[in-house]
Structures are given as structure tokens and as C-alpha cells.
């Protein structure tokens, strides 16, 4: 099976890709991944940059998560 979003020669993700309607506890997440690499460079929850790539367990309703991947030089903690 071929996966066009994963480069097997160097082990890096190649975006963009989206997952919608992902159920998480009492919420529904729409996930957008973009960039190239294997580290999170930016993590936004509902268009707000987060200090850490974390999804609170008490979310309810629909939310959007935008993740930008990179080579690790500007990785989120």
C-alpha cells in the first residue's frame, strides 16, 4: 500500500492532509496537518497558537486544530 503523505526514504510526513469529524471525548475535532517533517512547528486550537501541542480533555462542541510540521528547528514543546 502506498502512502503519498509519508516519504519512506527519509521518514518525513508531507502535508497537507485533513481529518474531519474526529470524536474526542465530548468534542468533535477537525484536524489540519501541513508542512513537511517529523516535528510540530506550530499548533493552533481554534486559530489560537498554543504554547504546547495539547488538546484539553474538557472540550465540548466542534473545534479546529491546525498543525504545521517542520524539521525540528522551531518545534513546539
C-alpha atoms as a PDB file:
ATOM      1  CA  UNK A   1       0.000   0.000   0.000  1.00  0.00           C
ATOM      2  CA  UNK A   2       1.376   3.410  -0.992  1.00  0.00           C
ATOM      3  CA  UNK A   3       1.005   6.435   1.276  1.00  0.00           C
ATOM      4  CA  UNK A   4       1.579   9.721  -0.565  1.00  0.00           C
ATOM      5  CA  UNK A   5       1.820  11.640   2.723  1.00  0.00           C
ATOM      6  CA  UNK A   6       4.807   9.741   4.077  1.00  0.00           C
ATOM      7  CA  UNK A   7       8.242   9.771   2.477  1.00  0.00           C
ATOM      8  CA  UNK A   8       9.745   6.364   3.197  1.00  0.00           C
ATOM      9  CA  UNK A   9      13.206   7.468   2.056  1.00  0.00           C
ATOM     10  CA  UNK A  10      13.649   9.864   4.985  1.00  0.00           C
ATOM     11  CA  UNK A  11      10.717   9.106   7.321  1.00  0.00           C
ATOM     12  CA  UNK A  12       9.070  12.517   6.999  1.00  0.00           C
ATOM     13  CA  UNK A  13       5.417  13.481   6.716  1.00  0.00           C
ATOM     14  CA  UNK A  14       4.416  15.540   3.671  1.00  0.00           C
ATOM     15  CA  UNK A  15       1.203  17.564   4.037  1.00  0.00           C
ATOM     16  CA  UNK A  16      -1.368  18.870   3.643  1.00  0.00           C
ATOM     17  CA  UNK A  17      -3.954  16.431   4.925  1.00  0.00           C
ATOM     18  CA  UNK A  18      -7.214  16.952   6.845  1.00  0.00           C
ATOM     19  CA  UNK A  19      -9.301  14.766   9.129  1.00  0.00           C
ATOM     20  CA  UNK A  20     -12.787  15.992   9.922  1.00  0.00           C
ATOM     21  CA  UNK A  21     -15.346  14.904  12.465  1.00  0.00           C
ATOM     22  CA  UNK A  22     -12.900  13.136  14.783  1.00  0.00           C
ATOM     23  CA  UNK A  23     -14.703  12.428  18.047  1.00  0.00           C
ATOM     24  CA  UNK A  24     -12.675  13.216  21.164  1.00  0.00           C
ATOM     25  CA  UNK A  25     -14.481  12.770  24.477  1.00  0.00           C
ATOM     26  CA  UNK A  26     -17.363  15.295  24.360  1.00  0.00           C
ATOM     27  CA  UNK A  27     -16.000  17.225  21.403  1.00  0.00           C
ATOM     28  CA  UNK A  28     -15.507  16.901  17.676  1.00  0.00           C
ATOM     29  CA  UNK A  29     -12.148  17.823  16.160  1.00  0.00           C
ATOM     30  CA  UNK A  30     -11.316  18.926  12.645  1.00  0.00           C
ATOM     31  CA  UNK A  31      -7.582  18.384  12.153  1.00  0.00           C
ATOM     32  CA  UNK A  32      -5.451  20.076   9.502  1.00  0.00           C
ATOM     33  CA  UNK A  33      -1.835  18.996   9.051  1.00  0.00           C
ATOM     34  CA  UNK A  34       0.531  20.852   6.764  1.00  0.00           C
ATOM     35  CA  UNK A  35       4.245  21.224   6.184  1.00  0.00           C
ATOM     36  CA  UNK A  36       6.975  18.659   5.885  1.00  0.00           C
ATOM     37  CA  UNK A  37       8.878  16.924   8.641  1.00  0.00           C
ATOM     38  CA  UNK A  38       8.551  14.916  11.808  1.00  0.00           C
ATOM     39  CA  UNK A  39       8.286  17.664  14.472  1.00  0.00           C
ATOM     40  CA  UNK A  40       5.433  20.041  15.319  1.00  0.00           C
ATOM     41  CA  UNK A  41       6.451  23.622  14.438  1.00  0.00           C
ATOM     42  CA  UNK A  42       3.095  25.230  15.181  1.00  0.00           C
ATOM     43  CA  UNK A  43      -0.056  24.070  16.974  1.00  0.00           C
ATOM     44  CA  UNK A  44      -3.271  26.115  16.879  1.00  0.00           C
ATOM     45  CA  UNK A  45      -6.574  25.392  18.590  1.00  0.00           C
ATOM     46  CA  UNK A  46      -9.418  27.407  17.059  1.00  0.00           C
ATOM     47  CA  UNK A  47      -6.876  29.735  15.368  1.00  0.00           C
ATOM     48  CA  UNK A  48      -5.075  30.490  18.658  1.00  0.00           C
ATOM     49  CA  UNK A  49      -1.400  29.479  18.848  1.00  0.00           C
ATOM     50  CA  UNK A  50      -0.818  27.140  21.787  1.00  0.00           C
ATOM     51  CA  UNK A  51       2.422  27.011  23.783  1.00  0.00           C
ATOM     52  CA  UNK A  52       2.271  23.216  23.802  1.00  0.00           C
ATOM     53  CA  UNK A  53       0.618  20.768  21.375  1.00  0.00           C
ATOM     54  CA  UNK A  54      -2.137  19.778  23.805  1.00  0.00           C
ATOM     55  CA  UNK A  55      -5.884  19.182  23.446  1.00  0.00           C
ATOM     56  CA  UNK A  56      -7.799  19.776  26.691  1.00  0.00           C
ATOM     57  CA  UNK A  57      -9.892  16.809  27.800  1.00  0.00           C
ATOM     58  CA  UNK A  58     -12.835  19.045  28.747  1.00  0.00           C
ATOM     59  CA  UNK A  59     -13.526  20.410  25.246  1.00  0.00           C
ATOM     60  CA  UNK A  60     -17.132  20.261  24.084  1.00  0.00           C
ATOM     61  CA  UNK A  61     -18.551  21.002  20.661  1.00  0.00           C
ATOM     62  CA  UNK A  62     -16.643  21.421  17.402  1.00  0.00           C
ATOM     63  CA  UNK A  63     -13.043  22.685  17.326  1.00  0.00           C
ATOM     64  CA  UNK A  64     -10.339  23.075  14.682  1.00  0.00           C
ATOM     65  CA  UNK A  65      -6.724  22.097  15.208  1.00  0.00           C
ATOM     66  CA  UNK A  66      -4.061  23.290  12.781  1.00  0.00           C
ATOM     67  CA  UNK A  67      -0.698  21.566  12.977  1.00  0.00           C
ATOM     68  CA  UNK A  68       2.321  22.669  10.951  1.00  0.00           C
ATOM     69  CA  UNK A  69       5.174  20.192  10.753  1.00  0.00           C
ATOM     70  CA  UNK A  70       8.837  21.011  10.241  1.00  0.00           C
ATOM     71  CA  UNK A  71      12.337  19.651  10.650  1.00  0.00           C
ATOM     72  CA  UNK A  72      12.518  20.331  14.394  1.00  0.00           C
ATOM     73  CA  UNK A  73      14.412  23.626  14.375  1.00  0.00           C
ATOM     74  CA  UNK A  74      11.302  25.517  15.591  1.00  0.00           C
ATOM     75  CA  UNK A  75       9.456  22.633  17.236  1.00  0.00           C
ATOM     76  CA  UNK A  76       6.672  23.271  19.745  1.00  0.00           C
ATOM     77  CA  UNK A  77       7.373  21.741  23.183  1.00  0.00           C
END
